[in-house]
């Protein structure tokens, strides 16, 4: 029985994919790099995310990338307002009612993530929010110890191969959603325990 669910935020709960793509291309434009289409971005995306930028802009520092991203994201959100993926808010509230413990671990900046949690009416839903996490393997290890989670009743749900690899390295179950940053083919290559094509499938597995 699954008692604890650790979620990635963007690409799983938060649909800010267009805003993220705009922000990434904003950074590319700053360095004179050719923009990527959304399909190209999904194909090329790797995590931890600094590896993605290093592939295209080898000399960029993480500090510079974060500085430019913070400049771009408010502009992007004006053009492409964030919203929760359909069905995810309702799913989270059902988990809360069922006393499932839920934690967010995300590489998103805290000011963005906290605002979105409030916008979606999710205050008080999560046991803890971890932001600015680049290495999710290390973050998961800390969560398991701090919250006394057991690997056999905990699942990590993300949208990229990195979440699958990180969850497997800690020994917990892994699930991947197909509506996020990587396509289903790349997710299947990483061999998660579950592939979810719609929120109802997550609900069925956990409850």
Protein backbone atom coordinates (compact mmCIF):
# COMPACT_ATOMS: atom_id res chain seq x y z
CA UNK A 1 0.00 0.00 0.00
CA UNK A 2 1.33 3.44 -0.94
CA UNK A 3 1.26 5.85 1.99
CA UNK A 4 3.59 8.59 0.74
CA UNK A 5 3.76 10.37 -2.61
CA UNK A 6 6.62 12.66 -3.58
CA UNK A 7 5.80 14.81 -6.61
CA UNK A 8 7.85 16.84 -8.99
CA UNK A 9 6.03 20.14 -9.59
CA UNK A 10 6.48 21.49 -13.13
CA UNK A 11 5.35 19.04 -15.78
CA UNK A 12 3.42 16.93 -13.27
CA UNK A 13 1.10 19.26 -11.33
CA UNK A 14 1.96 22.67 -12.74
CA UNK A 15 1.40 23.28 -16.44
CA UNK A 16 3.83 26.08 -17.17
CA UNK A 17 5.43 24.28 -20.09
CA UNK A 18 4.96 27.14 -22.55
CA UNK A 19 6.32 29.64 -20.03
CA UNK A 20 9.30 27.39 -19.35
CA UNK A 21 9.99 26.94 -23.05
CA UNK A 22 9.81 30.72 -23.55
CA UNK A 23 12.24 31.26 -20.67
CA UNK A 24 14.70 28.68 -21.99
CA UNK A 25 14.64 30.26 -25.44
CA UNK A 26 15.09 33.68 -23.81
CA UNK A 27 18.36 32.36 -22.35
CA UNK A 28 19.35 30.87 -25.70
CA UNK A 29 18.65 34.18 -27.43
CA UNK A 30 20.85 35.99 -24.91
CA UNK A 31 23.78 33.79 -25.95
CA UNK A 32 22.95 33.80 -29.66
CA UNK A 33 21.78 30.17 -29.68
CA UNK A 34 19.10 29.04 -32.12
CA UNK A 35 15.71 28.66 -30.48
CA UNK A 36 14.21 25.21 -30.00
CA UNK A 37 10.64 24.23 -30.80
CA UNK A 38 8.67 22.56 -28.03
CA UNK A 39 9.06 19.16 -29.67
CA UNK A 40 12.81 19.69 -30.03
CA UNK A 41 13.00 20.73 -26.40
CA UNK A 42 11.17 17.60 -25.21
CA UNK A 43 13.54 15.48 -27.26
CA UNK A 44 16.70 17.22 -26.00
CA UNK A 45 15.72 17.83 -22.37
CA UNK A 46 17.92 16.21 -19.74
CA UNK A 47 18.20 16.61 -16.00
CA UNK A 48 19.62 17.77 -13.70
CA UNK A 49 18.76 20.83 -15.77
CA UNK A 50 22.28 22.39 -15.74
CA UNK A 51 23.28 19.49 -18.03
CA UNK A 52 20.73 20.66 -20.59
CA UNK A 53 22.20 24.16 -20.69
CA UNK A 54 25.77 22.85 -20.76
CA UNK A 55 24.91 20.84 -23.87
CA UNK A 56 24.04 24.01 -25.79
CA UNK A 57 25.98 26.69 -23.89
CA UNK A 58 29.05 24.95 -22.44
CA UNK A 59 30.46 28.08 -20.82
CA UNK A 60 27.31 29.16 -18.97
CA UNK A 61 27.40 29.10 -15.16
CA UNK A 62 24.41 28.00 -13.13
CA UNK A 63 24.36 31.45 -11.49
CA UNK A 64 24.07 33.17 -14.89
CA UNK A 65 21.41 30.73 -16.07
CA UNK A 66 19.34 31.33 -12.93
CA UNK A 67 19.77 35.10 -13.23
CA UNK A 68 18.46 35.07 -16.82
CA UNK A 69 15.67 32.63 -16.00
CA UNK A 70 14.42 34.88 -13.21
CA UNK A 71 14.35 37.78 -15.68
CA UNK A 72 12.51 35.77 -18.31
CA UNK A 73 9.93 33.93 -16.23
CA UNK A 74 7.71 36.88 -15.21
CA UNK A 75 7.54 37.92 -18.88
CA UNK A 76 6.73 34.34 -19.85
CA UNK A 77 3.94 34.09 -17.26
CA UNK A 78 2.34 37.24 -18.63
CA UNK A 79 2.26 35.66 -22.08
CA UNK A 80 1.46 32.14 -20.93
CA UNK A 81 -0.22 32.09 -17.48
CA UNK A 82 0.47 28.95 -15.48
CA UNK A 83 -2.31 26.59 -14.53
CA UNK A 84 -2.63 23.17 -12.97
CA UNK A 85 -2.94 20.24 -15.34
CA UNK A 86 -6.62 19.19 -15.59
CA UNK A 87 -7.61 16.81 -12.83
CA UNK A 88 -4.48 17.24 -10.70
CA UNK A 89 -5.91 19.61 -8.07
CA UNK A 90 -8.88 17.30 -7.51
CA UNK A 91 -6.55 14.30 -7.27
CA UNK A 92 -4.36 15.99 -4.65
CA UNK A 93 -7.37 16.89 -2.54
CA UNK A 94 -8.61 13.29 -2.64
CA UNK A 95 -5.19 12.10 -1.50
CA UNK A 96 -5.31 14.60 1.36
CA UNK A 97 -8.71 13.28 2.43
CA UNK A 98 -7.27 9.75 2.33
CA UNK A 99 -4.41 10.90 4.60
CA UNK A 100 -1.75 10.24 1.98
CA UNK A 101 1.40 12.17 2.87
CA UNK A 102 2.54 14.37 0.00
CA UNK A 103 5.75 16.27 -0.60
CA UNK A 104 6.95 18.42 -3.50
CA UNK A 105 10.57 18.29 -4.62
CA UNK A 106 11.30 20.70 -7.44
CA UNK A 107 14.08 22.63 -9.13
CA UNK A 108 11.67 25.57 -9.46
CA UNK A 109 12.48 28.83 -7.70
CA UNK A 110 10.56 29.19 -4.40
CA UNK A 111 8.90 32.51 -5.24
CA UNK A 112 7.36 30.96 -8.36
CA UNK A 113 6.32 27.66 -6.81
CA UNK A 114 4.81 29.11 -3.61
CA UNK A 115 2.76 31.56 -5.66
CA UNK A 116 1.45 28.79 -7.91
CA UNK A 117 0.55 26.56 -4.95
CA UNK A 118 -1.54 29.42 -3.56
CA UNK A 119 -3.09 30.22 -6.96
CA UNK A 120 -4.29 26.63 -7.32
CA UNK A 121 -5.82 26.51 -3.83
CA UNK A 122 -3.29 23.94 -2.60
CA UNK A 123 -2.12 25.63 0.59
CA UNK A 124 -2.04 23.06 3.38
CA UNK A 125 -2.14 20.09 1.01
CA UNK A 126 1.53 19.20 1.12
CA UNK A 127 3.56 18.11 4.14
CA UNK A 128 6.57 20.02 2.82
CA UNK A 129 7.79 21.88 -0.26
CA UNK A 130 11.40 21.51 -1.35
CA UNK A 131 12.47 24.07 -3.98
CA UNK A 132 15.66 24.91 -5.88
CA UNK A 133 16.63 21.23 -5.78
CA UNK A 134 19.08 20.40 -8.56
CA UNK A 135 20.16 16.91 -7.46
CA UNK A 136 16.90 15.10 -6.68
CA UNK A 137 18.65 11.92 -5.64
CA UNK A 138 20.24 13.72 -2.71
CA UNK A 139 16.98 15.53 -1.99
CA UNK A 140 15.02 12.27 -1.88
CA UNK A 141 17.51 10.73 0.53
CA UNK A 142 17.04 13.69 2.88
CA UNK A 143 13.24 13.49 2.62
CA UNK A 144 13.17 9.76 3.40
CA UNK A 145 15.24 10.28 6.55
CA UNK A 146 13.53 13.46 7.76
CA UNK A 147 9.97 12.19 7.28
CA UNK A 148 10.71 8.57 8.21
CA UNK A 149 9.33 7.30 4.90
CA UNK A 150 9.84 3.67 3.97
CA UNK A 151 10.84 2.84 0.41
CA UNK A 152 8.23 0.08 0.07
CA UNK A 153 5.28 2.42 0.62
CA UNK A 154 6.63 5.56 -1.10
CA UNK A 155 6.45 6.57 -4.76
CA UNK A 156 8.15 9.42 -6.60
CA UNK A 157 6.16 10.81 -9.53
CA UNK A 158 7.91 12.95 -12.13
CA UNK A 159 7.98 13.69 -15.83
CA UNK A 160 11.62 12.99 -16.80
CA UNK A 161 14.21 10.24 -16.70
CA UNK A 162 15.97 12.06 -13.84
CA UNK A 163 13.07 11.48 -11.46
CA UNK A 164 13.01 7.79 -12.41
CA UNK A 165 16.75 7.41 -11.88
CA UNK A 166 16.67 9.36 -8.60
CA UNK A 167 13.75 7.39 -7.18
CA UNK A 168 15.24 4.05 -8.19
CA UNK A 169 18.60 4.96 -6.64
CA UNK A 170 16.85 5.47 -3.29
CA UNK A 171 14.89 2.24 -3.69
CA UNK A 172 11.36 3.65 -3.89
CA UNK A 173 8.73 3.09 -6.55
CA UNK A 174 8.70 5.47 -9.51
CA UNK A 175 5.96 6.79 -11.74
CA UNK A 176 6.13 9.01 -14.83
CA UNK A 177 3.46 11.20 -16.37
CA UNK A 178 3.37 11.60 -20.14
CA UNK A 179 2.11 15.21 -20.19
CA UNK A 180 5.35 16.84 -19.05
CA UNK A 181 8.84 17.65 -20.30
CA UNK A 182 9.74 14.30 -21.88
CA UNK A 183 7.84 12.14 -24.30
CA UNK A 184 6.61 8.66 -23.49
CA UNK A 185 9.33 6.94 -25.51
CA UNK A 186 12.14 8.47 -23.49
CA UNK A 187 10.34 7.73 -20.24
CA UNK A 188 9.86 4.07 -21.18
CA UNK A 189 13.59 3.78 -21.85
CA UNK A 190 14.20 4.70 -18.19
CA UNK A 191 11.78 1.94 -17.06
CA UNK A 192 9.63 3.50 -14.33
CA UNK A 193 7.37 1.22 -12.33
CA UNK A 194 4.32 3.05 -13.70
CA UNK A 195 3.51 5.21 -16.71
CA UNK A 196 0.54 7.53 -16.21
CA UNK A 197 -1.28 8.96 -19.22
CA UNK A 198 -3.95 10.74 -17.18
CA UNK A 199 -4.44 11.69 -13.51
CA UNK A 200 -7.14 9.06 -13.02
CA UNK A 201 -4.50 6.38 -13.48
CA UNK A 202 -2.46 7.80 -10.58
CA UNK A 203 -5.58 7.79 -8.43
CA UNK A 204 -6.28 4.14 -9.28
CA UNK A 205 -2.78 2.98 -8.38
CA UNK A 206 -2.51 4.85 -5.10
CA UNK A 207 -6.05 4.53 -3.73
